[in-house]
Amino acid sequence: MLSSWRRTREDQHVKERVAGVFEDVMLRFSGSTMLHLMTLGLAASPLTNMEAVRLFCRTAALAVTVSYVYTLSFYSSCLVFTGYLETGYRHGCFCRRVPKPDRLDSKPAWYRCLMYTRYQDETQTPNQPHGDSHLLLGCVRRCYGDWITNTYVKPFVVLLYLVYISFGLMGFLQVTQGSDPSALVAMDTATVLYARAQQRYFSSYSPVIGFYIYESAPYWNVSVQRDLLEYAKGFQRISWLESYLNYLSERNQSTSQSRENFTRTLRHSFLREPQYAHFADDIIFAERGQGEEPDVAASRVFLVAKTTENKREEMSVLLDTLRRLSLTSRVRFLIFNPSFVYLDRYAAAVSSPLRHSLLAVLFLLGLSSLAVVEPLVSVWLGLTLLSVQFGVLGFMTLWGVELDCMSVLCLISALGHSADCSGPLLCGFASGRGESRTRWVRVALERHGVPSLQTLICYSAALVPVGCIRSNLTHTMFRCLTLTAGCSVLHTLAFLPTLLTFLPPSKARGHRPGGEGLRQEVECVEMNDSTRVVDQITTV
C-alpha cells in the first residue's frame, strides 16, 4: 500500500489517491490474506494431529485477520491523514506548514534539518509520481531491471535455478525426523550434555523401553510365561519374571504351579532375597478375599535393544512391531518411552507441509476462477509456492535442520510469505498488454519488486536478534525463516523475471469489450488554486 501511495501524485485529491491505492492493492492483499487463512486453517484443523502446530496456527490465523482489519481501517486512515498533510505542505511529524526554500534558508540550522522537504516543482514534472526519487526504485529502474532481462544474463539465471532444484532435491531425499528431545531445551544445559554423551558412548543401544502389563494375567501358566519371554527375546532385559523363573529352576521347583503357590513363593521368598528386593517396585498386588493370596494386578519389565547406525529407523520399526503385537496378544500390555512421542509425530510431520502445499495450490486455482483472475497467474503462483516450499525443505535439511514441530510451522508460514512476495509481481506482469515481455517485466519489477525487497530487508532485520538466542528451537526457526526469505526473494527478483520473458502468458494486445469504434477520448484540464485543491473539468 505504501509503495502504491508513493506512485500517486501529490496534487491529486486525497479521495482519488486513496481510491487508486485500493484499486491497485486490495485485490491482491485480500487474495494473499485468504491464502494465509486457508493454509493456517488447514494446519489448525483435525487434518493435523500435532497439537502444538494447531495451537500456533489458530493464533496466527487470528493475527492475520486482525492485521487485515487494521490495514482496512486504521492504516488507510493514516494514508488519508498523510494525504491532507501533503496537500497543505505540512510536515508529517510536526503537522506544521513547511516554508518555501527561500524562507527556510533564513531559519536556524536545526529548524532547517527538521522541517526540510522537497516541493513538487523542484524535483519532478506535474505528471511524475513523487516516489521516483526513491533510492531502491532508482536502482531497479536504471540498473537491475535492464541487467536481469539482458539476453546474456538469462542463461545463467536458468542455470542457477537448475542448481537450486538440484540441491533442493538432494536435501529432500535426506529429510530426517526431529525425534531428539534435547532439541526442545536451551543450549549448554545438562540435558544436551547428557544427549551428547549418550550419543558418543552408548549410541548402539536404544532408550530404555517400559513394557507394562496393565491387567491381571495368569503368570503361573506355562504358555503365558513362554509368550512373555518370547516378546522380550532379543532385548537386554531387566525382568522380574525371568529372574523369578530362574530362581525357581535353581531350587528345583516347577515353574508351572497353582496361583496360590506361585504368588506365595513370589512374595515371601523371592522378593525377600536381597538381590531381588528391587523388583518389588515392578509388581503391583491386588488383595483378594480374606485368607487368600493376592493377585498380580500389574507389572513392568524394562527392555533395551541393540541397534546399529540407523538407530531412529530401527526404533520406528521396533515401535510399530511391538504395538501391533500388543493388539493381538492375550496378555494386555503397553510399551512406552518419552522418545516415542517424537517418533509418533514423524509421519505426520513429513506429510503435513506437503499436503498443505498441494491444497494451497488447489485453493489458488479455485480462487482465481472465482475472482476472474488471469488463469496463468494462478498457475505460476502455485508453481512458485511449490518451488519455494521444495527449496526450503531441501536446503534446511542440508543446513542440519530436522523435520520437527518448529520446522513444520515454518514450512506452513513459507506458503504465505512466498505468495506475498511473488503474487503482486505476477499480477503486475499479467495485467499489461502490448509492447514486449521484457518491458512489462521491468515495469512489474519497478512497481512490485521494490516493495518485496523492502519487505525482505525488514524481515531480515527482525531475524537478526532471533539468531542470537541460545535455544535449539529458536535456531531452527531462524534457519527456516532465513531460507524462506532467501528462496522467496530469489524467485521474485531473479527466477520469475527471467522465466517470464520467454514463457506464457503472452503479451499480445487482447480484444477489449466494445471495440475500437467505441473508444472514448478523455481530456482532463486541471485547475490549481492557491490552496492546492484540484478541480477537474472533464470533457468526453
Protein backbone atom coordinates (compact mmCIF):
# COMPACT_ATOMS: atom_id res chain seq x y z
CA MET A 1 0.00 0.00 0.00
CA LEU A 2 2.80 2.40 0.81
CA SER A 3 4.54 1.74 -2.50
CA SER A 4 1.31 2.32 -4.40
CA TRP A 5 0.73 5.52 -2.41
CA ARG A 6 4.19 6.79 -3.38
CA ARG A 7 3.31 6.35 -7.05
CA THR A 8 0.34 8.72 -6.79
CA ARG A 9 0.64 12.47 -7.38
CA GLU A 10 0.63 14.91 -4.54
CA ASP A 11 -1.58 17.40 -6.39
CA GLN A 12 -4.39 14.84 -6.77
CA HIS A 13 -7.33 14.96 -4.44
CA VAL A 14 -6.91 12.72 -1.42
CA LYS A 15 -10.00 10.68 -2.23
CA GLU A 16 -8.68 9.92 -5.69
CA ARG A 17 -5.28 8.93 -4.31
CA VAL A 18 -6.79 6.56 -1.75
CA ALA A 19 -9.17 5.10 -4.35
CA GLY A 20 -6.22 4.46 -6.67
CA VAL A 21 -4.29 2.74 -3.90
CA PHE A 22 -7.21 0.47 -3.02
CA GLU A 23 -7.82 -0.35 -6.67
CA ASP A 24 -4.16 -1.24 -7.14
CA VAL A 25 -3.57 -3.21 -3.93
CA MET A 26 -6.64 -4.55 -2.20
CA LEU A 27 -7.47 -7.41 -4.57
CA ARG A 28 -4.00 -8.91 -4.22
CA PHE A 29 -3.88 -8.16 -0.49
CA SER A 30 -7.26 -9.84 0.03
CA GLY A 31 -6.15 -12.84 -2.01
CA SER A 32 -2.92 -13.30 -0.03
CA THR A 33 -4.87 -12.92 3.23
CA MET A 34 -7.30 -15.62 2.12
CA LEU A 35 -4.32 -17.84 1.24
CA HIS A 36 -2.85 -17.27 4.71
CA LEU A 37 -6.15 -18.08 6.39
CA MET A 38 -6.72 -21.16 4.25
CA THR A 39 -3.24 -22.56 4.91
CA LEU A 40 -3.35 -21.81 8.63
CA GLY A 41 -6.90 -23.12 8.82
CA LEU A 42 -5.85 -26.43 7.30
CA ALA A 43 -3.00 -26.71 9.78
CA ALA A 44 -5.34 -25.88 12.67
CA SER A 45 -7.94 -28.43 11.57
CA PRO A 46 -8.19 -32.13 12.51
CA LEU A 47 -6.11 -32.85 9.40
CA THR A 48 -3.10 -32.05 11.61
CA ASN A 49 -2.70 -34.19 14.72
CA MET A 50 0.17 -32.14 16.18
CA GLU A 51 -1.39 -30.07 18.94
CA ALA A 52 1.47 -27.55 19.05
CA VAL A 53 1.04 -26.83 15.33
CA ARG A 54 -2.71 -26.46 15.68
CA LEU A 55 -2.37 -24.05 18.60
CA PHE A 56 0.15 -21.89 16.76
CA CYS A 57 -1.89 -21.81 13.55
CA ARG A 58 -5.09 -20.82 15.36
CA THR A 59 -3.27 -17.90 16.95
CA ALA A 60 -1.58 -16.96 13.67
CA ALA A 61 -4.91 -17.02 11.81
CA LEU A 62 -6.34 -14.61 14.38
CA ALA A 63 -3.30 -12.35 13.94
CA VAL A 64 -3.73 -12.34 10.13
CA THR A 65 -7.40 -11.42 10.50
CA VAL A 66 -6.62 -8.56 12.89
CA SER A 67 -3.90 -7.35 10.51
CA TYR A 68 -6.33 -7.29 7.59
CA VAL A 69 -8.92 -5.32 9.54
CA TYR A 70 -6.21 -2.97 10.81
CA THR A 71 -5.00 -2.28 7.26
CA LEU A 72 -8.51 -1.56 6.01
CA SER A 73 -9.33 0.78 8.87
CA PHE A 74 -6.50 2.45 10.77
CA TYR A 75 -3.71 2.25 8.21
CA SER A 76 -5.96 3.58 5.45
CA SER A 77 -6.97 6.42 7.73
CA CYS A 78 -3.30 7.23 8.24
CA LEU A 79 -2.87 7.46 4.47
CA VAL A 80 -5.81 9.87 4.27
CA PHE A 81 -4.35 12.00 7.05
CA THR A 82 -0.95 11.99 5.36
CA GLY A 83 -2.56 12.99 2.08
CA TYR A 84 -4.15 16.08 3.61
CA LEU A 85 -0.81 17.00 5.19
CA GLU A 86 0.94 16.70 1.83
CA THR A 87 -1.77 18.74 0.11
CA GLY A 88 -1.20 21.59 2.57
CA TYR A 89 2.61 21.15 2.56
CA ARG A 90 2.62 20.31 6.24
CA HIS A 91 5.30 18.30 7.95
CA GLY A 92 4.43 14.62 8.51
CA CYS A 93 5.65 14.55 12.13
CA PHE A 94 5.04 18.11 13.39
CA CYS A 95 1.98 18.98 11.23
CA ARG A 96 3.39 22.47 10.69
CA ARG A 97 3.37 24.12 7.30
CA VAL A 98 6.78 23.84 5.65
CA PRO A 99 8.06 27.21 4.38
CA LYS A 100 9.27 27.81 0.86
CA PRO A 101 13.00 27.23 0.31
CA ASP A 102 13.80 30.95 0.24
CA ARG A 103 12.14 31.47 3.63
CA LEU A 104 13.55 28.23 5.04
CA ASP A 105 17.13 29.39 4.36
CA SER A 106 16.74 32.18 6.87
CA LYS A 107 15.86 29.79 9.69
CA PRO A 108 18.37 28.18 12.11
CA ALA A 109 20.18 25.03 11.07
CA TRP A 110 18.26 22.77 13.47
CA TYR A 111 14.96 24.12 12.12
CA ARG A 112 16.03 23.52 8.50
CA CYS A 113 17.07 19.95 9.38
CA LEU A 114 13.72 19.13 11.00
CA MET A 115 11.46 20.90 8.53
CA TYR A 116 13.24 20.12 5.27
CA THR A 117 11.13 18.75 2.40
CA ARG A 118 11.03 18.92 -1.36
CA TYR A 119 8.44 20.84 -3.24
CA GLN A 120 6.99 19.05 -6.23
CA ASP A 121 8.06 21.68 -8.72
CA GLU A 122 11.68 21.29 -7.62
CA THR A 123 12.09 17.59 -8.22
CA GLN A 124 9.54 16.34 -10.71
CA THR A 125 7.23 17.20 -13.50
CA PRO A 126 3.49 17.51 -12.91
CA ASN A 127 2.82 14.02 -14.30
CA GLN A 128 5.58 12.31 -12.36
CA PRO A 129 4.80 10.48 -9.10
CA HIS A 130 6.72 11.63 -6.09
CA GLY A 131 8.19 8.16 -5.36
CA ASP A 132 10.57 8.24 -8.36
CA SER A 133 13.37 9.71 -6.29
CA HIS A 134 13.48 6.67 -4.03
CA LEU A 135 16.95 5.07 -3.94
CA LEU A 136 15.85 1.45 -4.39
CA LEU A 137 13.39 2.37 -7.13
CA GLY A 138 16.11 4.24 -8.99
CA CYS A 139 18.46 1.26 -8.74
CA VAL A 140 15.82 -1.16 -10.03
CA ARG A 141 14.75 1.18 -12.85
CA ARG A 142 18.20 2.20 -14.09
CA CYS A 143 20.33 -0.87 -13.29
CA TYR A 144 18.75 -4.08 -12.08
CA GLY A 145 15.78 -4.22 -14.45
CA ASP A 146 18.00 -3.92 -17.53
CA TRP A 147 20.56 -6.34 -16.12
CA ILE A 148 18.22 -9.20 -15.13
CA THR A 149 16.45 -9.07 -18.53
CA ASN A 150 19.69 -8.98 -20.51
CA THR A 151 19.95 -11.74 -23.10
CA TYR A 152 23.36 -12.83 -21.85
CA VAL A 153 22.25 -12.98 -18.21
CA LYS A 154 19.18 -15.18 -18.74
CA PRO A 155 21.09 -18.46 -19.36
CA PHE A 156 22.99 -18.02 -16.11
CA VAL A 157 19.76 -17.40 -14.19
CA VAL A 158 18.20 -20.54 -15.70
CA LEU A 159 21.35 -22.47 -14.78
CA LEU A 160 21.12 -21.06 -11.25
CA TYR A 161 17.53 -22.30 -10.99
CA LEU A 162 18.60 -25.79 -12.10
CA VAL A 163 21.30 -25.75 -9.41
CA TYR A 164 18.65 -24.60 -6.91
CA ILE A 165 16.39 -27.51 -7.84
CA SER A 166 19.29 -29.99 -7.73
CA PHE A 167 20.40 -29.02 -4.24
CA GLY A 168 16.79 -28.88 -3.07
CA LEU A 169 16.24 -32.44 -4.33
CA MET A 170 19.47 -33.56 -2.67
CA GLY A 171 18.26 -32.25 0.67
CA PHE A 172 14.71 -33.51 0.16
CA LEU A 173 15.98 -37.07 -0.21
CA GLN A 174 17.85 -36.73 3.10
CA VAL A 175 14.99 -35.42 5.26
CA THR A 176 15.36 -36.76 8.80
CA GLN A 177 12.97 -36.85 11.71
CA GLY A 178 13.29 -34.47 14.62
CA SER A 179 12.98 -37.02 17.43
CA ASP A 180 15.73 -35.71 19.69
CA PRO A 181 14.25 -34.40 22.97
CA SER A 182 17.37 -32.27 23.58
CA ALA A 183 16.25 -30.01 20.71
CA LEU A 184 13.47 -28.67 22.95
CA VAL A 185 15.75 -27.19 25.63
CA ALA A 186 18.25 -24.36 25.71
CA MET A 187 21.82 -24.96 24.61
CA ASP A 188 24.59 -26.00 27.01
CA THR A 189 22.16 -27.47 29.55
CA ALA A 190 22.51 -30.78 31.39
CA THR A 191 20.02 -32.42 29.03
CA VAL A 192 22.08 -31.52 25.97
CA LEU A 193 25.30 -32.69 27.65
CA TYR A 194 23.65 -36.00 28.54
CA ALA A 195 22.37 -36.48 24.97
CA ARG A 196 25.84 -35.85 23.56
CA ALA A 197 27.47 -38.29 25.98
CA GLN A 198 24.84 -40.93 25.28
CA GLN A 199 25.25 -40.49 21.54
CA ARG A 200 29.02 -40.71 21.81
CA TYR A 201 29.43 -43.69 24.15
CA PHE A 202 26.15 -45.62 24.10
CA SER A 203 24.67 -44.90 20.70
CA SER A 204 24.49 -48.62 19.88
CA TYR A 205 21.70 -49.07 22.47
CA SER A 206 18.13 -47.91 22.27
CA PRO A 207 16.43 -45.91 25.02
CA VAL A 208 15.08 -47.95 27.91
CA ILE A 209 11.63 -49.21 26.88
CA GLY A 210 8.99 -49.75 29.51
CA PHE A 211 6.97 -52.97 28.98
CA TYR A 212 3.81 -52.53 31.10
CA ILE A 213 1.31 -55.34 31.71
CA TYR A 214 -1.71 -53.38 32.92
CA GLU A 215 -4.18 -56.24 33.56
CA SER A 216 -4.08 -59.27 35.79
CA ALA A 217 -2.55 -62.18 33.89
CA PRO A 218 -2.06 -65.88 34.75
CA TYR A 219 1.69 -65.68 35.20
CA TRP A 220 1.72 -69.22 36.65
CA ASN A 221 0.56 -70.60 33.30
CA VAL A 222 3.43 -72.04 31.26
CA SER A 223 2.08 -70.78 27.93
CA VAL A 224 1.77 -67.22 29.29
CA GLN A 225 5.32 -67.42 30.62
CA ARG A 226 6.51 -68.63 27.24
CA ASP A 227 4.73 -65.77 25.40
CA LEU A 228 6.15 -63.10 27.69
CA LEU A 229 9.68 -64.46 27.37
CA GLU A 230 9.27 -64.61 23.60
CA TYR A 231 8.19 -60.94 23.44
CA ALA A 232 11.34 -59.90 25.27
CA LYS A 233 13.64 -62.17 23.30
CA GLY A 234 16.49 -60.29 21.62
CA PHE A 235 16.44 -57.44 24.17
CA GLN A 236 18.71 -56.67 27.06
CA ARG A 237 16.22 -57.22 29.88
CA ILE A 238 15.57 -56.15 33.46
CA SER A 239 12.73 -58.61 34.08
CA TRP A 240 11.32 -59.77 37.38
CA LEU A 241 9.52 -62.66 35.66
CA GLU A 242 12.66 -64.06 34.03
CA SER A 243 14.62 -63.73 37.29
CA TYR A 244 11.81 -65.39 39.24
CA LEU A 245 11.59 -68.34 36.84
CA ASN A 246 15.37 -68.79 37.08
CA TYR A 247 15.03 -68.59 40.87
CA LEU A 248 12.50 -71.43 40.82
CA SER A 249 14.64 -73.54 38.48
CA GLU A 250 17.71 -73.14 40.67
CA ARG A 251 15.72 -74.56 43.60
CA ASN A 252 14.39 -77.46 41.54
CA GLN A 253 10.86 -76.13 41.68
CA SER A 254 8.47 -76.31 38.80
CA THR A 255 7.56 -73.05 37.04
CA SER A 256 4.05 -74.41 36.49
CA GLN A 257 2.33 -74.04 39.82
CA SER A 258 -1.03 -73.15 41.19
CA ARG A 259 -1.86 -69.49 41.57
CA GLU A 260 -1.56 -69.57 45.35
CA ASN A 261 1.85 -71.32 45.40
CA PHE A 262 3.20 -69.13 42.61
CA THR A 263 2.19 -65.90 44.36
CA ARG A 264 3.19 -67.11 47.87
CA THR A 265 6.71 -68.02 46.77
CA LEU A 266 6.99 -64.74 44.88
CA ARG A 267 6.02 -62.60 47.87
CA HIS A 268 7.56 -64.45 50.79
CA SER A 269 10.71 -65.92 49.26
CA PHE A 270 11.77 -64.28 46.02
CA LEU A 271 11.15 -60.60 46.86
CA ARG A 272 12.77 -61.01 50.30
CA GLU A 273 16.08 -62.06 48.82
CA PRO A 274 18.45 -59.01 48.90
CA GLN A 275 19.48 -59.38 45.25
CA TYR A 276 15.85 -59.48 44.12
CA ALA A 277 14.29 -56.98 46.52
CA HIS A 278 14.41 -54.15 43.97
CA PHE A 279 11.80 -55.99 41.86
CA ALA A 280 9.17 -55.12 44.50
CA ASP A 281 8.73 -51.76 42.74
CA ASP A 282 7.89 -53.51 39.47
CA ILE A 283 4.96 -55.59 40.78
CA ILE A 284 1.57 -54.38 41.98
CA PHE A 285 -0.53 -56.80 44.05
CA ALA A 286 -4.31 -56.66 44.39
CA GLU A 287 -5.91 -58.07 47.52
CA ARG A 288 -8.47 -60.85 47.20
CA GLY A 289 -10.72 -62.23 49.85
CA GLN A 290 -9.59 -62.75 53.43
CA GLY A 291 -7.11 -65.58 53.77
CA GLU A 292 -6.34 -65.78 50.02
CA GLU A 293 -3.13 -64.88 48.26
CA PRO A 294 -3.37 -61.60 46.34
CA ASP A 295 -3.22 -61.40 42.55
CA VAL A 296 -0.52 -59.70 40.47
CA ALA A 297 -2.64 -56.81 39.20
CA ALA A 298 0.06 -55.15 37.07
CA SER A 299 3.77 -55.39 36.46
CA ARG A 300 6.52 -53.95 34.34
CA VAL A 301 9.70 -55.06 32.57
CA PHE A 302 12.44 -52.86 31.14
CA LEU A 303 13.93 -53.61 27.74
CA VAL A 304 16.96 -52.22 25.88
CA ALA A 305 17.50 -53.03 22.20
CA LYS A 306 20.82 -53.35 20.44
CA THR A 307 20.81 -51.03 17.40
CA THR A 308 23.11 -50.06 14.54
CA GLU A 309 23.83 -46.71 12.88
CA ASN A 310 20.23 -46.37 11.65
CA LYS A 311 19.01 -46.07 15.21
CA ARG A 312 15.93 -43.95 14.53
CA GLU A 313 14.67 -46.12 11.69
CA GLU A 314 15.14 -49.27 13.76
CA MET A 315 13.34 -47.72 16.71
CA SER A 316 10.41 -46.81 14.47
CA VAL A 317 10.19 -50.37 13.14
CA LEU A 318 10.52 -51.80 16.67
CA LEU A 319 7.83 -49.48 17.98
CA ASP A 320 5.39 -50.44 15.23
CA THR A 321 6.10 -54.16 15.69
CA LEU A 322 5.55 -54.16 19.45
CA ARG A 323 2.39 -52.06 19.15
CA ARG A 324 0.87 -54.42 16.59
CA LEU A 325 1.77 -57.31 18.86
CA SER A 326 0.03 -55.66 21.82
CA LEU A 327 -3.23 -55.63 19.86
CA THR A 328 -3.22 -59.39 19.19
CA SER A 329 -1.61 -60.75 22.34
CA ARG A 330 -3.79 -62.39 25.01
CA VAL A 331 -1.71 -60.56 27.61
CA ARG A 332 -2.65 -56.89 27.58
CA PHE A 333 0.46 -54.74 27.62
CA LEU A 334 1.76 -51.30 26.65
CA ILE A 335 5.22 -50.09 25.68
CA PHE A 336 6.45 -46.55 26.23
CA ASN A 337 9.50 -44.32 26.29
CA PRO A 338 9.47 -40.48 26.21
CA SER A 339 11.29 -40.51 22.87
CA PHE A 340 8.29 -42.34 21.35
CA VAL A 341 6.40 -39.02 21.48
CA TYR A 342 8.67 -37.66 18.75
CA LEU A 343 8.73 -40.89 16.77
CA ASP A 344 4.92 -40.86 16.72
CA ARG A 345 4.90 -37.37 15.19
CA TYR A 346 7.35 -38.09 12.41
CA ALA A 347 4.89 -39.49 9.89
CA ALA A 348 2.55 -36.52 10.37
CA ALA A 349 5.47 -34.07 10.24
CA VAL A 350 6.65 -35.41 6.89
CA SER A 351 3.25 -35.37 5.18
CA SER A 352 1.81 -32.21 6.72
CA PRO A 353 3.71 -29.46 4.83
CA LEU A 354 3.50 -31.33 1.53
CA ARG A 355 -0.24 -31.89 1.88
CA HIS A 356 -0.84 -28.26 2.83
CA SER A 357 1.22 -27.06 -0.14
CA LEU A 358 -0.85 -29.09 -2.61
CA LEU A 359 -4.13 -27.97 -1.04
CA ALA A 360 -2.95 -24.35 -1.12
CA VAL A 361 -2.21 -24.61 -4.85
CA LEU A 362 -5.66 -26.09 -5.50
CA PHE A 363 -7.18 -23.27 -3.45
CA LEU A 364 -5.33 -20.73 -5.60
CA LEU A 365 -6.74 -22.25 -8.77
CA GLY A 366 -10.27 -22.13 -7.36
CA LEU A 367 -9.86 -18.58 -6.07
CA SER A 368 -8.58 -17.33 -9.42
CA SER A 369 -11.57 -18.81 -11.23
CA LEU A 370 -13.96 -17.05 -8.84
CA ALA A 371 -12.11 -13.71 -8.95
CA VAL A 372 -11.78 -13.82 -12.78
CA VAL A 373 -8.02 -13.50 -12.46
CA GLU A 374 -5.70 -14.47 -15.31
CA PRO A 375 -5.62 -18.32 -15.09
CA LEU A 376 -1.91 -18.47 -15.87
CA VAL A 377 -1.22 -16.17 -12.93
CA SER A 378 -2.65 -18.71 -10.51
CA VAL A 379 -0.69 -21.49 -12.25
CA TRP A 380 2.54 -19.50 -11.99
CA LEU A 381 1.84 -18.62 -8.37
CA GLY A 382 1.05 -22.24 -7.50
CA LEU A 383 4.27 -23.44 -9.11
CA THR A 384 6.19 -20.72 -7.29
CA LEU A 385 4.75 -21.78 -3.93
CA LEU A 386 5.70 -25.41 -4.58
CA SER A 387 9.17 -24.40 -5.72
CA VAL A 388 9.79 -22.24 -2.64
CA GLN A 389 8.43 -24.95 -0.34
CA PHE A 390 10.59 -27.58 -2.05
CA GLY A 391 13.69 -25.41 -1.78
CA VAL A 392 13.16 -24.53 1.88
CA LEU A 393 12.59 -28.18 2.77
CA GLY A 394 15.69 -29.32 0.89
CA PHE A 395 18.08 -26.58 1.98
CA MET A 396 17.07 -26.74 5.62
CA THR A 397 18.00 -30.44 5.59
CA LEU A 398 21.40 -29.60 4.12
CA TRP A 399 21.78 -26.95 6.84
CA GLY A 400 21.29 -29.57 9.56
CA VAL A 401 17.64 -28.83 10.40
CA GLU A 402 15.46 -31.84 11.11
CA LEU A 403 11.76 -32.07 10.42
CA ASP A 404 10.26 -31.33 13.82
CA CYS A 405 7.36 -29.27 15.14
CA MET A 406 9.11 -25.91 14.65
CA SER A 407 10.30 -26.61 11.11
CA VAL A 408 6.79 -27.75 10.11
CA LEU A 409 5.39 -24.44 11.38
CA CYS A 410 7.97 -22.53 9.34
CA LEU A 411 7.17 -24.56 6.22
CA ILE A 412 3.49 -23.70 6.61
CA SER A 413 4.25 -19.99 7.03
CA ALA A 414 6.57 -20.14 3.98
CA LEU A 415 3.50 -20.54 1.75
CA GLY A 416 2.03 -17.21 2.76
CA HIS A 417 5.34 -15.37 2.71
CA SER A 418 6.24 -16.54 -0.80
CA ALA A 419 2.73 -15.63 -2.04
CA ASP A 420 3.08 -12.12 -0.59
CA CYS A 421 6.38 -11.61 -2.39
CA SER A 422 5.71 -13.14 -5.80
CA GLY A 423 1.95 -12.63 -6.20
CA PRO A 424 2.00 -8.85 -6.92
CA LEU A 425 4.84 -9.25 -9.42
CA LEU A 426 2.94 -11.92 -11.36
CA CYS A 427 -0.30 -9.92 -11.33
CA GLY A 428 1.51 -6.78 -12.46
CA PHE A 429 3.13 -8.63 -15.34
CA ALA A 430 -0.09 -10.35 -16.45
CA SER A 431 -2.16 -7.14 -16.36
CA GLY A 432 -0.09 -5.48 -19.10
CA ARG A 433 -0.97 -5.71 -22.79
CA GLY A 434 1.09 -4.83 -25.81
CA GLU A 435 4.78 -3.99 -26.05
CA SER A 436 7.29 -6.71 -25.20
CA ARG A 437 7.62 -9.18 -22.35
CA THR A 438 10.87 -7.56 -21.27
CA ARG A 439 9.20 -4.17 -20.97
CA TRP A 440 6.44 -5.49 -18.72
CA VAL A 441 8.90 -7.45 -16.59
CA ARG A 442 10.76 -4.20 -15.95
CA VAL A 443 7.52 -2.39 -15.12
CA ALA A 444 6.47 -5.16 -12.74
CA LEU A 445 9.89 -5.03 -11.04
CA GLU A 446 9.62 -1.25 -10.61
CA ARG A 447 6.14 -1.42 -9.15
CA HIS A 448 6.30 -4.58 -7.06
CA GLY A 449 9.92 -5.71 -6.86
CA VAL A 450 10.95 -2.76 -4.71
CA PRO A 451 8.23 -3.38 -2.05
CA SER A 452 9.24 -7.04 -1.97
CA LEU A 453 12.87 -6.03 -1.48
CA GLN A 454 11.90 -3.62 1.30
CA THR A 455 9.89 -6.39 2.93
CA LEU A 456 12.93 -8.67 2.78
CA ILE A 457 15.13 -6.01 4.41
CA CYS A 458 12.66 -5.54 7.28
CA TYR A 459 12.21 -9.31 7.57
CA SER A 460 15.98 -9.86 7.76
CA ALA A 461 16.40 -7.11 10.35
CA ALA A 462 13.75 -8.79 12.52
CA LEU A 463 15.51 -12.17 12.21
CA VAL A 464 18.91 -10.92 13.40
CA PRO A 465 18.06 -10.90 17.15
CA VAL A 466 16.28 -14.25 16.77
CA GLY A 467 19.52 -15.86 15.63
CA CYS A 468 21.30 -14.67 18.78
CA ILE A 469 19.07 -16.60 21.20
CA ARG A 470 20.76 -19.66 22.71
CA SER A 471 17.98 -22.13 22.04
CA ASN A 472 17.77 -25.08 19.67
CA LEU A 473 14.15 -24.42 18.74
CA THR A 474 14.88 -20.75 18.08
CA HIS A 475 17.88 -21.64 15.93
CA THR A 476 15.66 -23.99 13.94
CA MET A 477 13.15 -21.20 13.43
CA PHE A 478 15.91 -18.74 12.46
CA ARG A 479 17.33 -21.08 9.83
CA CYS A 480 13.94 -21.98 8.36
CA LEU A 481 12.73 -18.37 8.17
CA THR A 482 16.05 -17.23 6.70
CA LEU A 483 15.73 -19.87 3.99
CA THR A 484 12.12 -18.82 3.41
CA ALA A 485 13.14 -15.20 2.87
CA GLY A 486 16.07 -16.17 0.66
CA CYS A 487 14.10 -18.56 -1.55
CA SER A 488 11.21 -16.09 -1.86
CA VAL A 489 13.43 -13.19 -2.92
CA LEU A 490 15.31 -15.42 -5.40
CA HIS A 491 12.05 -16.31 -7.09
CA THR A 492 10.68 -12.75 -7.00
CA LEU A 493 13.77 -10.86 -8.17
CA ALA A 494 15.62 -13.45 -10.27
CA PHE A 495 13.82 -16.60 -11.38
CA LEU A 496 10.37 -15.20 -12.23
CA PRO A 497 11.61 -12.04 -14.08
CA THR A 498 13.82 -14.25 -16.25
CA LEU A 499 11.34 -17.05 -16.93
CA LEU A 500 8.50 -14.65 -17.73
CA THR A 501 10.48 -13.13 -20.60
CA PHE A 502 10.10 -16.26 -22.71
CA LEU A 503 7.25 -18.28 -21.12
CA PRO A 504 3.46 -17.63 -21.10
CA PRO A 505 1.32 -15.60 -20.54
CA SER A 506 1.51 -13.80 -23.87
CA LYS A 507 1.76 -10.00 -24.10
CA ALA A 508 -0.18 -9.72 -27.36
CA ARG A 509 -2.75 -6.95 -27.30
CA GLY A 510 -6.07 -8.60 -26.49
CA HIS A 511 -9.53 -7.69 -27.72
CA ARG A 512 -11.23 -5.16 -25.47
CA PRO A 513 -15.01 -5.14 -24.95
CA GLY A 514 -16.75 -2.51 -27.03
CA GLY A 515 -14.30 -2.49 -29.91
CA GLU A 516 -12.22 0.32 -31.36
CA GLY A 517 -15.27 2.20 -32.59
CA LEU A 518 -16.47 2.93 -29.05
CA ARG A 519 -13.15 4.21 -27.76
CA GLN A 520 -13.59 7.43 -25.82
CA GLU A 521 -11.11 10.24 -25.68
CA VAL A 522 -10.86 11.95 -22.32
CA GLU A 523 -9.42 15.40 -21.90
CA CYS A 524 -8.69 16.45 -18.35
CA VAL A 525 -7.96 20.08 -17.51
CA GLU A 526 -6.53 20.65 -14.03
CA MET A 527 -7.03 23.93 -12.19
CA ASN A 528 -4.74 24.55 -9.22
CA ASP A 529 -5.76 27.30 -6.82
CA SER A 530 -3.75 28.81 -4.01
CA THR A 531 -4.91 26.18 -1.55
CA ARG A 532 -3.65 23.37 -3.84
CA VAL A 533 -7.14 21.85 -4.06
CA VAL A 534 -7.66 20.38 -7.51
CA ASP A 535 -10.79 20.87 -9.59
CA GLN A 536 -11.00 18.59 -12.61
CA ILE A 537 -13.05 19.60 -15.64
CA THR A 538 -13.51 16.58 -17.83
CA THR A 539 -14.93 16.56 -21.36
CA VAL A 540 -15.62 13.47 -23.42
